C-alpha atoms as a PDB file:
ATOM      1  CA  MET A   1     -33.486-143.276 102.070  1.00  0.00           C
ATOM      2  CA  ARG A   2     -32.855-144.579 105.514  1.00  0.00           C
ATOM      3  CA  PRO A   3     -32.406-141.972 108.351  1.00  0.00           C
ATOM      4  CA  LEU A   4     -28.977-141.301 109.885  1.00  0.00           C
ATOM      5  CA  MET A   5     -28.750-143.209 113.216  1.00  0.00           C
ATOM      6  CA  VAL A   6     -28.035-141.466 116.624  1.00  0.00           C
ATOM      7  CA  LEU A   7     -25.499-144.079 118.020  1.00  0.00           C
ATOM      8  CA  PHE A   8     -22.715-145.175 120.027  1.00  0.00           C
ATOM      9  CA  LEU A   9     -21.615-148.953 120.061  1.00  0.00           C
ATOM     10  CA  ALA A  10     -20.949-150.488 123.340  1.00  0.00           C
ATOM     11  CA  ALA A  11     -17.158-150.460 124.017  1.00  0.00           C
ATOM     12  CA  GLY A  12     -16.654-154.174 124.020  1.00  0.00           C
ATOM     13  CA  MET A  13     -18.685-155.051 120.850  1.00  0.00           C
ATOM     14  CA  VAL A  14     -16.853-156.674 117.990  1.00  0.00           C
ATOM     15  CA  ARG A  15     -18.763-157.668 114.860  1.00  0.00           C
ATOM     16  CA  ALA A  16     -17.859-160.863 113.074  1.00  0.00           C
ATOM     17  CA  ASP A  17     -17.626-159.760 109.534  1.00  0.00           C
ATOM     18  CA  ALA A  18     -15.732-159.925 106.310  1.00  0.00           C
ATOM     19  CA  PHE A  19     -13.910-156.715 107.252  1.00  0.00           C
ATOM     20  CA  ASP A  20     -11.366-159.051 108.982  1.00  0.00           C
ATOM     21  CA  LEU A  21     -10.488-160.913 105.922  1.00  0.00           C
ATOM     22  CA  TYR A  22      -9.050-157.800 104.097  1.00  0.00           C
ATOM     23  CA  LEU A  23      -5.322-158.061 104.528  1.00  0.00           C
ATOM     24  CA  ASN A  24      -2.474-155.516 103.671  1.00  0.00           C
ATOM     25  CA  LYS A  25      -2.059-157.179 100.128  1.00  0.00           C
ATOM     26  CA  ASP A  26      -5.819-157.208  99.504  1.00  0.00           C
ATOM     27  CA  LEU A  27      -6.006-153.449 100.102  1.00  0.00           C
ATOM     28  CA  ASP A  28      -2.938-152.832  97.730  1.00  0.00           C
ATOM     29  CA  ARG A  29      -4.497-155.335  95.073  1.00  0.00           C
ATOM     30  CA  LEU A  30      -7.753-153.382  95.267  1.00  0.00           C
ATOM     31  CA  ILE A  31      -6.445-149.808  94.773  1.00  0.00           C
ATOM     32  CA  GLU A  32      -4.223-151.151  92.064  1.00  0.00           C
ATOM     33  CA  SER A  33      -7.001-152.782  89.962  1.00  0.00           C
ATOM     34  CA  GLY A  34      -9.454-150.081  90.714  1.00  0.00           C
ATOM     35  CA  LYS A  35     -12.019-152.680  90.728  1.00  0.00           C
ATOM     36  CA  LEU A  36     -14.713-152.899  93.560  1.00  0.00           C
ATOM     37  CA  VAL A  37     -13.355-149.431  95.136  1.00  0.00           C
ATOM     38  CA  LYS A  38     -13.896-145.864  94.186  1.00  0.00           C
ATOM     39  CA  GLU A  39     -11.438-143.172  95.021  1.00  0.00           C
ATOM     40  CA  ILE A  40     -13.265-140.206  96.612  1.00  0.00           C
ATOM     41  CA  LYS A  41     -12.268-136.667  97.746  1.00  0.00           C
ATOM     42  CA  GLN A  42     -15.375-136.200 100.011  1.00  0.00           C
ATOM     43  CA  LEU A  43     -17.049-138.975 101.965  1.00  0.00           C
ATOM     44  CA  THR A  44     -20.667-137.706 102.591  1.00  0.00           C
ATOM     45  CA  PRO A  45     -23.320-139.160 104.873  1.00  0.00           C
ATOM     46  CA  ASN A  46     -25.329-140.253 101.845  1.00  0.00           C
ATOM     47  CA  LEU A  47     -22.292-141.951 100.380  1.00  0.00           C
ATOM     48  CA  VAL A  48     -21.802-143.783 103.743  1.00  0.00           C
ATOM     49  CA  LEU A  49     -25.531-145.022 103.589  1.00  0.00           C
ATOM     50  CA  GLU A  50     -25.120-146.062 100.064  1.00  0.00           C
ATOM     51  CA  HIS A  51     -22.197-148.392 100.599  1.00  0.00           C
ATOM     52  CA  ASP A  52     -23.030-149.616 103.992  1.00  0.00           C
ATOM     53  CA  ARG A  53     -24.181-152.959 102.877  1.00  0.00           C
ATOM     54  CA  ALA A  54     -21.063-153.716 100.436  1.00  0.00           C
ATOM     55  CA  ILE A  55     -19.340-155.823 103.151  1.00  0.00           C
ATOM     56  CA  PRO A  56     -21.520-158.801 104.546  1.00  0.00           C
ATOM     57  CA  ARG A  57     -22.435-158.613 108.097  1.00  0.00           C
ATOM     58  CA  ALA A  58     -20.687-155.304 108.756  1.00  0.00           C
ATOM     59  CA  GLY A  59     -23.581-152.826 108.736  1.00  0.00           C
ATOM     60  CA  ALA A  60     -21.037-149.959 108.013  1.00  0.00           C
ATOM     61  CA  ALA A  61     -19.086-148.570 104.843  1.00  0.00           C
ATOM     62  CA  MET A  62     -15.808-149.910 104.492  1.00  0.00           C
ATOM     63  CA  LEU A  63     -13.015-147.554 103.411  1.00  0.00           C
ATOM     64  CA  ILE A  64      -9.599-148.051 102.460  1.00  0.00           C
ATOM     65  CA  LEU A  65      -7.072-145.115 102.945  1.00  0.00           C
ATOM     66  CA  LYS A  66      -3.463-144.766 101.617  1.00  0.00           C
ATOM     67  CA  THR A  67      -1.836-142.955 104.653  1.00  0.00           C
ATOM     68  CA  ASN A  68       0.788-139.982 104.396  1.00  0.00           C
ATOM     69  CA  GLY A  69       3.155-142.507 105.757  1.00  0.00           C
ATOM     70  CA  ASP A  70       2.568-144.529 102.540  1.00  0.00           C
ATOM     71  CA  ARG A  71       0.665-147.455 104.544  1.00  0.00           C
ATOM     72  CA  PHE A  72      -2.586-148.984 103.930  1.00  0.00           C
ATOM     73  CA  ALA A  73      -5.451-148.642 106.403  1.00  0.00           C
ATOM     74  CA  LYS A  74      -9.061-150.030 106.401  1.00  0.00           C
ATOM     75  CA  LEU A  75     -11.990-148.468 108.330  1.00  0.00           C
ATOM     76  CA  LEU A  76     -15.654-149.246 108.942  1.00  0.00           C
ATOM     77  CA  VAL A  77     -17.556-146.004 109.384  1.00  0.00           C
ATOM     78  CA  THR A  78     -21.334-144.990 109.987  1.00  0.00           C
ATOM     79  CA  ALA A  79     -22.809-141.534 109.813  1.00  0.00           C
ATOM     80  CA  GLY A  80     -24.592-140.426 112.796  1.00  0.00           C
ATOM     81  CA  LYS A  81     -25.345-137.682 115.289  1.00  0.00           C
ATOM     82  CA  GLN A  82     -24.326-136.864 119.113  1.00  0.00           C
ATOM     83  CA  LYS A  83     -27.147-135.543 121.070  1.00  0.00           C
ATOM     84  CA  LEU A  84     -26.095-132.643 123.444  1.00  0.00           C
ATOM     85  CA  ALA A  85     -27.443-131.680 126.839  1.00  0.00           C
ATOM     86  CA  ASP A  86     -29.644-129.006 125.231  1.00  0.00           C
ATOM     87  CA  GLY A  87     -31.254-131.551 123.018  1.00  0.00           C
ATOM     88  CA  LYS A  88     -29.718-130.494 119.898  1.00  0.00           C
ATOM     89  CA  ALA A  89     -27.681-133.090 117.774  1.00  0.00           C
ATOM     90  CA  ILE A  90     -24.587-132.585 116.039  1.00  0.00           C
ATOM     91  CA  PRO A  91     -23.084-134.703 113.060  1.00  0.00           C
ATOM     92  CA  ILE A  92     -20.368-137.069 113.634  1.00  0.00           C
ATOM     93  CA  LEU A  93     -18.510-139.718 111.869  1.00  0.00           C
ATOM     94  CA  LEU A  94     -18.244-142.734 113.865  1.00  0.00           C
ATOM     95  CA  ILE A  95     -15.030-145.004 113.112  1.00  0.00           C
ATOM     96  CA  GLU A  96     -16.421-148.507 114.362  1.00  0.00           C
ATOM     97  CA  ARG A  97     -13.121-150.057 113.696  1.00  0.00           C
ATOM     98  CA  PHE A  98      -9.800-149.279 111.972  1.00  0.00           C
ATOM     99  CA  VAL A  99      -6.481-151.047 111.163  1.00  0.00           C
ATOM    100  CA  THR A 100      -3.277-149.853 109.888  1.00  0.00           C
ATOM    101  CA  TYR A 101      -0.853-152.338 108.422  1.00  0.00           C
ATOM    102  CA  LYS A 102       2.880-152.174 108.536  1.00  0.00           C
ATOM    103  CA  GLU A 103       4.296-151.729 105.088  1.00  0.00           C
ATOM    104  CA  GLY A 104       5.451-154.829 103.352  1.00  0.00           C
ATOM    105  CA  GLU A 105       3.871-157.226 105.831  1.00  0.00           C
ATOM    106  CA  GLU A 106       0.608-159.493 105.327  1.00  0.00           C
ATOM    107  CA  ARG A 107      -0.854-159.057 108.677  1.00  0.00           C
ATOM    108  CA  GLN A 108       1.271-156.959 110.982  1.00  0.00           C
ATOM    109  CA  ILE A 109      -0.626-154.067 112.451  1.00  0.00           C
ATOM    110  CA  ILE A 110       0.982-150.850 113.567  1.00  0.00           C
ATOM    111  CA  ALA A 111      -2.360-149.149 114.902  1.00  0.00           C
ATOM    112  CA  ASP A 112      -5.904-150.153 115.286  1.00  0.00           C
ATOM    113  CA  GLY A 113      -8.920-149.089 117.391  1.00  0.00           C
ATOM    114  CA  LYS A 114     -12.645-148.942 117.437  1.00  0.00           C
ATOM    115  CA  ASN A 115     -15.607-146.803 118.451  1.00  0.00           C
ATOM    116  CA  LEU A 116     -13.843-143.439 117.849  1.00  0.00           C
ATOM    117  CA  ALA A 117     -16.263-140.641 117.219  1.00  0.00           C
ATOM    118  CA  LEU A 118     -14.903-137.617 114.867  1.00  0.00           C
ATOM    119  CA  PHE A 119     -16.521-134.186 115.329  1.00  0.00           C
ATOM    120  CA  HIS A 120     -16.122-130.994 113.321  1.00  0.00           C
ATOM    121  CA  ASP A 121     -12.365-130.364 112.492  1.00  0.00           C
ATOM    122  CA  PHE A 122     -11.219-133.628 114.173  1.00  0.00           C
ATOM    123  CA  ARG A 123      -8.336-135.173 112.394  1.00  0.00           C
ATOM    124  CA  LEU A 124      -7.285-138.908 112.562  1.00  0.00           C
ATOM    125  CA  GLY A 125      -3.663-139.683 112.121  1.00  0.00           C
ATOM    126  CA  LEU A 126      -3.887-143.424 110.917  1.00  0.00           C
ATOM    127  CA  ASP A 127      -0.059-144.026 111.110  1.00  0.00           C
ATOM    128  CA  MET A 128      -0.476-143.305 114.853  1.00  0.00           C
ATOM    129  CA  GLY A 129      -3.867-144.440 115.499  1.00  0.00           C
ATOM    130  CA  GLN A 130      -4.769-141.241 117.188  1.00  0.00           C
ATOM    131  CA  VAL A 131      -6.916-137.928 116.925  1.00  0.00           C
ATOM    132  CA  VAL A 132      -4.191-135.495 116.184  1.00  0.00           C
ATOM    133  CA  PRO A 133      -4.041-131.617 116.255  1.00  0.00           C
ATOM    134  CA  GLU A 134      -3.654-129.562 113.027  1.00  0.00           C
ATOM    135  CA  ALA A 135      -0.073-129.077 113.461  1.00  0.00           C
ATOM    136  CA  VAL A 136       0.619-132.879 113.252  1.00  0.00           C
ATOM    137  CA  GLY A 137      -1.433-133.100 110.093  1.00  0.00           C
ATOM    138  CA  GLY A 138      -3.314-136.341 110.021  1.00  0.00           C
ATOM    139  CA  ASP A 139      -4.799-138.489 107.172  1.00  0.00           C
ATOM    140  CA  LEU A 140      -8.493-137.912 107.498  1.00  0.00           C
ATOM    141  CA  ARG A 141     -10.585-134.689 108.526  1.00  0.00           C
ATOM    142  CA  PHE A 142     -14.231-134.535 109.306  1.00  0.00           C
ATOM    143  CA  VAL A 143     -15.978-131.209 108.384  1.00  0.00           C
ATOM    144  CA  VAL A 144     -19.300-129.633 109.277  1.00  0.00           C
ATOM    145  CA  GLU A 145     -19.980-126.379 107.488  1.00  0.00           C
ATOM    146  CA  GLY A 146     -23.690-125.418 107.648  1.00  0.00           C
ATOM    147  CA  ASP A 147     -25.481-128.117 105.742  1.00  0.00           C
ATOM    148  CA  LYS A 148     -22.252-129.524 104.260  1.00  0.00           C
ATOM    149  CA  VAL A 149     -21.011-132.668 106.187  1.00  0.00           C
ATOM    150  CA  TYR A 150     -18.070-134.764 104.928  1.00  0.00           C
ATOM    151  CA  ALA A 151     -14.884-136.455 105.729  1.00  0.00           C
ATOM    152  CA  GLU A 152     -11.797-135.697 103.585  1.00  0.00           C
ATOM    153  CA  PRO A 153      -8.275-136.991 103.057  1.00  0.00           C
ATOM    154  CA  LEU A 154      -5.338-134.704 104.032  1.00  0.00           C
ATOM    155  CA  GLY A 155      -2.054-134.036 102.473  1.00  0.00           C
ATOM    156  CA  LYS A 156      -0.924-136.928 100.181  1.00  0.00           C
ATOM    157  CA  ALA A 157      -3.503-139.292 101.710  1.00  0.00           C
ATOM    158  CA  LYS A 158      -6.111-141.094  99.391  1.00  0.00           C
ATOM    159  CA  LEU A 159      -9.387-142.255 100.201  1.00  0.00           C
ATOM    160  CA  TYR A 160     -11.336-144.990  98.814  1.00  0.00           C
ATOM    161  CA  VAL A 161     -14.696-146.617  99.606  1.00  0.00           C
ATOM    162  CA  VAL A 162     -15.365-150.257  98.811  1.00  0.00           C
ATOM    163  CA  VAL A 163     -18.403-150.449  96.547  1.00  0.00           C
ATOM    164  CA  GLU A 164     -18.567-154.234  96.359  1.00  0.00           C
ATOM    165  CA  HIS A 165     -17.287-157.131  98.388  1.00  0.00           C
ATOM    166  CA  ASP A 166     -14.277-158.884  97.017  1.00  0.00           C
ATOM    167  CA  LYS A 167     -15.460-162.547  97.161  1.00  0.00           C
ATOM    168  CA  THR A 168     -12.024-163.892  96.183  1.00  0.00           C
ATOM    169  CA  ILE A 169     -10.834-163.274  99.830  1.00  0.00           C
ATOM    170  CA  GLU A 170     -13.288-165.608 101.303  1.00  0.00           C
ATOM    171  CA  PRO A 171     -11.752-168.807 102.792  1.00  0.00           C
ATOM    172  CA  LYS A 172     -11.911-171.712 100.125  1.00  0.00           C
ATOM    173  CA  ARG A 173     -14.034-174.404 101.186  1.00  0.00           C
ATOM    174  CA  GLY A 174     -11.679-177.753 101.007  1.00  0.00           C
ATOM    175  CA  ASP A 175     -12.459-181.244 101.836  1.00  0.00           C
ATOM    176  CA  LYS A 176     -13.429-181.636 105.613  1.00  0.00           C
ATOM    177  CA  PHE A 177     -10.620-182.927 107.694  1.00  0.00           C
ATOM    178  CA  ALA A 178     -10.730-186.547 108.442  1.00  0.00           C
ATOM    179  CA  MET A 179      -8.255-188.796 110.247  1.00  0.00           C
ATOM    180  CA  GLY A 180      -8.428-192.520 110.395  1.00  0.00           C
ATOM    181  CA  ASP A 181      -7.334-194.745 113.117  1.00  0.00           C
ATOM    182  CA  LYS A 182      -3.587-194.313 112.211  1.00  0.00           C
ATOM    183  CA  VAL A 183      -1.799-190.992 112.860  1.00  0.00           C
ATOM    184  CA  GLU A 184       0.377-189.702 109.827  1.00  0.00           C
ATOM    185  CA  PRO A 185       2.521-186.607 109.452  1.00  0.00           C
ATOM    186  CA  ARG A 186      -0.094-185.207 106.968  1.00  0.00           C
ATOM    187  CA  HIS A 187      -2.682-184.920 109.752  1.00  0.00           C
ATOM    188  CA  PHE A 188      -0.606-182.261 111.466  1.00  0.00           C
ATOM    189  CA  SER A 189      -0.703-179.978 108.457  1.00  0.00           C
ATOM    190  CA  GLY A 190      -3.303-177.210 108.737  1.00  0.00           C
ATOM    191  CA  SER A 191      -4.365-173.974 110.447  1.00  0.00           C
ATOM    192  CA  PHE A 192      -4.764-173.962 114.185  1.00  0.00           C
ATOM    193  CA  LYS A 193      -5.963-171.164 116.846  1.00  0.00           C
ATOM    194  CA  LEU A 194      -3.257-171.387 119.388  1.00  0.00           C
ATOM    195  CA  PHE A 195      -3.711-170.365 122.925  1.00  0.00           C
ATOM    196  CA  ASP A 196      -0.638-170.165 125.172  1.00  0.00           C
ATOM    197  CA  ASP A 197      -1.014-170.057 128.905  1.00  0.00           C
ATOM    198  CA  GLY A 198      -3.821-167.456 128.626  1.00  0.00           C
ATOM    199  CA  ARG A 199      -1.240-164.829 127.829  1.00  0.00           C
ATOM    200  CA  ARG A 200      -0.847-165.079 124.025  1.00  0.00           C
ATOM    201  CA  SER A 201      -2.876-166.352 121.092  1.00  0.00           C
ATOM    202  CA  GLY A 202      -2.570-166.509 117.305  1.00  0.00           C
ATOM    203  CA  ARG A 203      -2.827-168.402 114.091  1.00  0.00           C
ATOM    204  CA  LEU A 204      -0.583-171.300 113.842  1.00  0.00           C
ATOM    205  CA  VAL A 205      -0.065-172.756 110.125  1.00  0.00           C
ATOM    206  CA  LEU A 206       1.814-176.026 110.031  1.00  0.00           C
ATOM    207  CA  ILE A 207       3.060-177.869 107.079  1.00  0.00           C
ATOM    208  CA  ALA A 208       4.397-181.551 107.544  1.00  0.00           C
ATOM    209  CA  ASP A 209       6.125-183.524 104.949  1.00  0.00           C
ATOM    210  CA  ASP A 210       5.920-187.244 104.692  1.00  0.00           C
ATOM    211  CA  ASP A 211       9.405-187.482 106.742  1.00  0.00           C
ATOM    212  CA  GLY A 212       7.984-185.709 109.687  1.00  0.00           C
ATOM    213  CA  LYS A 213       9.788-182.478 109.100  1.00  0.00           C
ATOM    214  CA  VAL A 214       7.492-179.397 109.956  1.00  0.00           C
ATOM    215  CA  SER A 215       7.733-175.772 108.692  1.00  0.00           C
ATOM    216  CA  GLY A 216       5.024-173.117 108.901  1.00  0.00           C
ATOM    217  CA  ALA A 217       4.374-169.755 110.522  1.00  0.00           C
ATOM    218  CA  TYR A 218       2.764-168.145 113.531  1.00  0.00           C
ATOM    219  CA  TYR A 219       0.765-165.034 113.157  1.00  0.00           C
ATOM    220  CA  SER A 220       0.348-163.011 116.510  1.00  0.00           C
ATOM    221  CA  ASP A 221      -3.185-161.993 117.481  1.00  0.00           C
ATOM    222  CA  ARG A 222      -1.613-158.905 119.251  1.00  0.00           C
ATOM    223  CA  ASP A 223      -0.352-157.169 116.105  1.00  0.00           C
ATOM    224  CA  GLY A 224      -0.490-159.783 113.287  1.00  0.00           C
ATOM    225  CA  ALA A 225       3.314-160.224 113.010  1.00  0.00           C
ATOM    226  CA  LYS A 226       4.560-163.255 111.323  1.00  0.00           C
ATOM    227  CA  TYR A 227       7.212-165.566 112.937  1.00  0.00           C
ATOM    228  CA  GLU A 228       8.873-168.647 111.324  1.00  0.00           C
ATOM    229  CA  VAL A 229       7.970-172.049 112.572  1.00  0.00           C
ATOM    230  CA  ASN A 230      10.278-175.250 112.318  1.00  0.00           C
ATOM    231  CA  GLY A 231       9.977-178.595 114.102  1.00  0.00           C
ATOM    232  CA  ARG A 232       9.610-182.257 113.765  1.00  0.00           C
ATOM    233  CA  ILE A 233       7.033-185.102 114.482  1.00  0.00           C
ATOM    234  CA  GLY A 234       7.998-188.017 116.603  1.00  0.00           C
ATOM    235  CA  PRO A 235       9.332-190.353 117.861  1.00  0.00           C
ATOM    236  CA  LYS A 236       5.618-191.305 118.577  1.00  0.00           C
ATOM    237  CA  PRO A 237       3.257-190.736 115.596  1.00  0.00           C
ATOM    238  CA  HIS A 238       1.138-188.228 117.419  1.00  0.00           C
ATOM    239  CA  LEU A 239       3.873-186.163 119.200  1.00  0.00           C
ATOM    240  CA  ILE A 240       5.305-182.861 117.764  1.00  0.00           C
ATOM    241  CA  GLU A 241       7.955-180.638 118.749  1.00  0.00           C
ATOM    242  CA  PHE A 242       8.435-177.048 117.180  1.00  0.00           C
ATOM    243  CA  ALA A 243       9.724-173.695 117.616  1.00  0.00           C
ATOM    244  CA  VAL A 244       8.492-170.227 117.072  1.00  0.00           C
ATOM    245  CA  ARG A 245      11.421-168.025 116.146  1.00  0.00           C
ATOM    246  CA  PHE A 246      11.072-164.521 117.721  1.00  0.00           C
ATOM    247  CA  PRO A 247      13.461-161.657 116.977  1.00  0.00           C
ATOM    248  CA  ARG A 248      15.497-162.029 120.199  1.00  0.00           C
ATOM    249  CA  THR A 249      14.566-165.558 121.420  1.00  0.00           C
ATOM    250  CA  GLU A 250      12.350-168.669 120.466  1.00  0.00           C
ATOM    251  CA  GLN A 251       9.663-170.497 121.973  1.00  0.00           C
ATOM    252  CA  LEU A 252       9.640-174.365 122.027  1.00  0.00           C
ATOM    253  CA  PHE A 253       6.434-176.380 121.992  1.00  0.00           C
ATOM    254  CA  ARG A 254       5.936-179.940 122.793  1.00  0.00           C
ATOM    255  CA  GLY A 255       2.463-181.354 122.199  1.00  0.00           C
ATOM    256  CA  MET A 256       0.274-184.097 121.183  1.00  0.00           C
ATOM    257  CA  LEU A 257      -2.346-184.312 118.422  1.00  0.00           C
ATOM    258  CA  PHE A 258      -5.722-185.664 119.689  1.00  0.00           C
ATOM    259  CA  THR A 259      -6.001-189.145 118.206  1.00  0.00           C
ATOM    260  CA  GLY A 260      -9.920-189.014 118.210  1.00  0.00           C
ATOM    261  CA  GLY A 261     -10.510-186.879 115.174  1.00  0.00           C
ATOM    262  CA  GLY A 262      -7.230-184.849 115.050  1.00  0.00           C
ATOM    263  CA  LYS A 263      -9.014-181.491 115.797  1.00  0.00           C
ATOM    264  CA  ALA A 264      -6.570-180.148 118.574  1.00  0.00           C
ATOM    265  CA  LEU A 265      -3.240-180.058 119.807  1.00  0.00           C
ATOM    266  CA  ALA A 266      -2.340-179.743 123.547  1.00  0.00           C
ATOM    267  CA  GLY A 267       1.046-179.856 125.434  1.00  0.00           C
ATOM    268  CA  THR A 268       3.657-177.592 126.948  1.00  0.00           C
ATOM    269  CA  SER A 269       5.811-174.552 125.939  1.00  0.00           C
ATOM    270  CA  ARG A 270       8.996-173.260 127.151  1.00  0.00           C
ATOM    271  CA  MET A 271      10.438-169.705 126.680  1.00  0.00           C
ATOM    272  CA  ALA A 272      13.852-169.138 128.380  1.00  0.00           C
ATOM    273  CA  GLU A 273      13.258-170.578 131.925  1.00  0.00           C
ATOM    274  CA  ARG A 274       9.323-170.326 131.888  1.00  0.00           C
ATOM    275  CA  GLU A 275       7.237-173.341 131.259  1.00  0.00           C
ATOM    276  CA  SER A 276       3.579-173.182 130.478  1.00  0.00           C
ATOM    277  CA  ALA A 277       0.806-175.027 128.929  1.00  0.00           C
ATOM    278  CA  PHE A 278      -0.806-174.432 125.430  1.00  0.00           C
ATOM    279  CA  TYR A 279      -3.615-175.889 123.304  1.00  0.00           C
ATOM    280  CA  ALA A 280      -4.461-175.310 119.595  1.00  0.00           C
ATOM    281  CA  LEU A 281      -7.848-175.993 117.921  1.00  0.00           C
ATOM    282  CA  ARG A 282      -7.899-176.840 114.257  1.00  0.00           C
ATOM    283  CA  GLU A 283      -9.438-174.160 112.074  1.00  0.00           C
ATOM    284  CA  GLU A 284     -11.817-175.478 109.245  1.00  0.00           C
END
């Protein structure tokens, strides 16, 4: 058995791993199917170590929690110890990362965080994304009672550990994007990483038909919220104009597709009276 680690991760460290691929619908599906996950009443350090390699490149056990607010949350956790000034070390549960999704939405996040240590009797409220007192309740409590060390769900919350990675959520490898000398409407279709004026970023999904009509969606990096996209290609073959519709306003984009490979879009955007620059890189 591998020893427990005495650790704290650097505040800015974020792993690139399969954890990010698990969306709200995936958590729901895994729990409903009962496959690849196991419901647990107590999460012990040994159980953490047993499953800390289930998720590729994570190096931590992945948990799914159905909160008291009837939302789905995902967590990456490790078991460790915190060294005290007198040289002693006490058990902790390190929440390396957690995400709580808004109910009914694919990607929209209502709470998230990282590098959060739970000590004895600390309670984590995942609907709020905060450590909370007993009076508030919470969804997950960490307990140290003599030799007994474990985390447990509270109230109506249910806790699951992922025992095997779900390979069906991995991005499908399609044909590599290629563009000839002539720009066609279909070349605008695809997924792009959009950067707007250094202030906003997100995932832009465009679907262009043969007539140059554009539809799709924009997923904000800030909270995963999904917004409708509509637009048109033209009058020049490599020119696109589209709008992202937010609840109270819309943002208009006018850009050009790079004719040398079609790997990027660049241009200007306007929201209200503010005009700024944007670029978007094709995701493959």
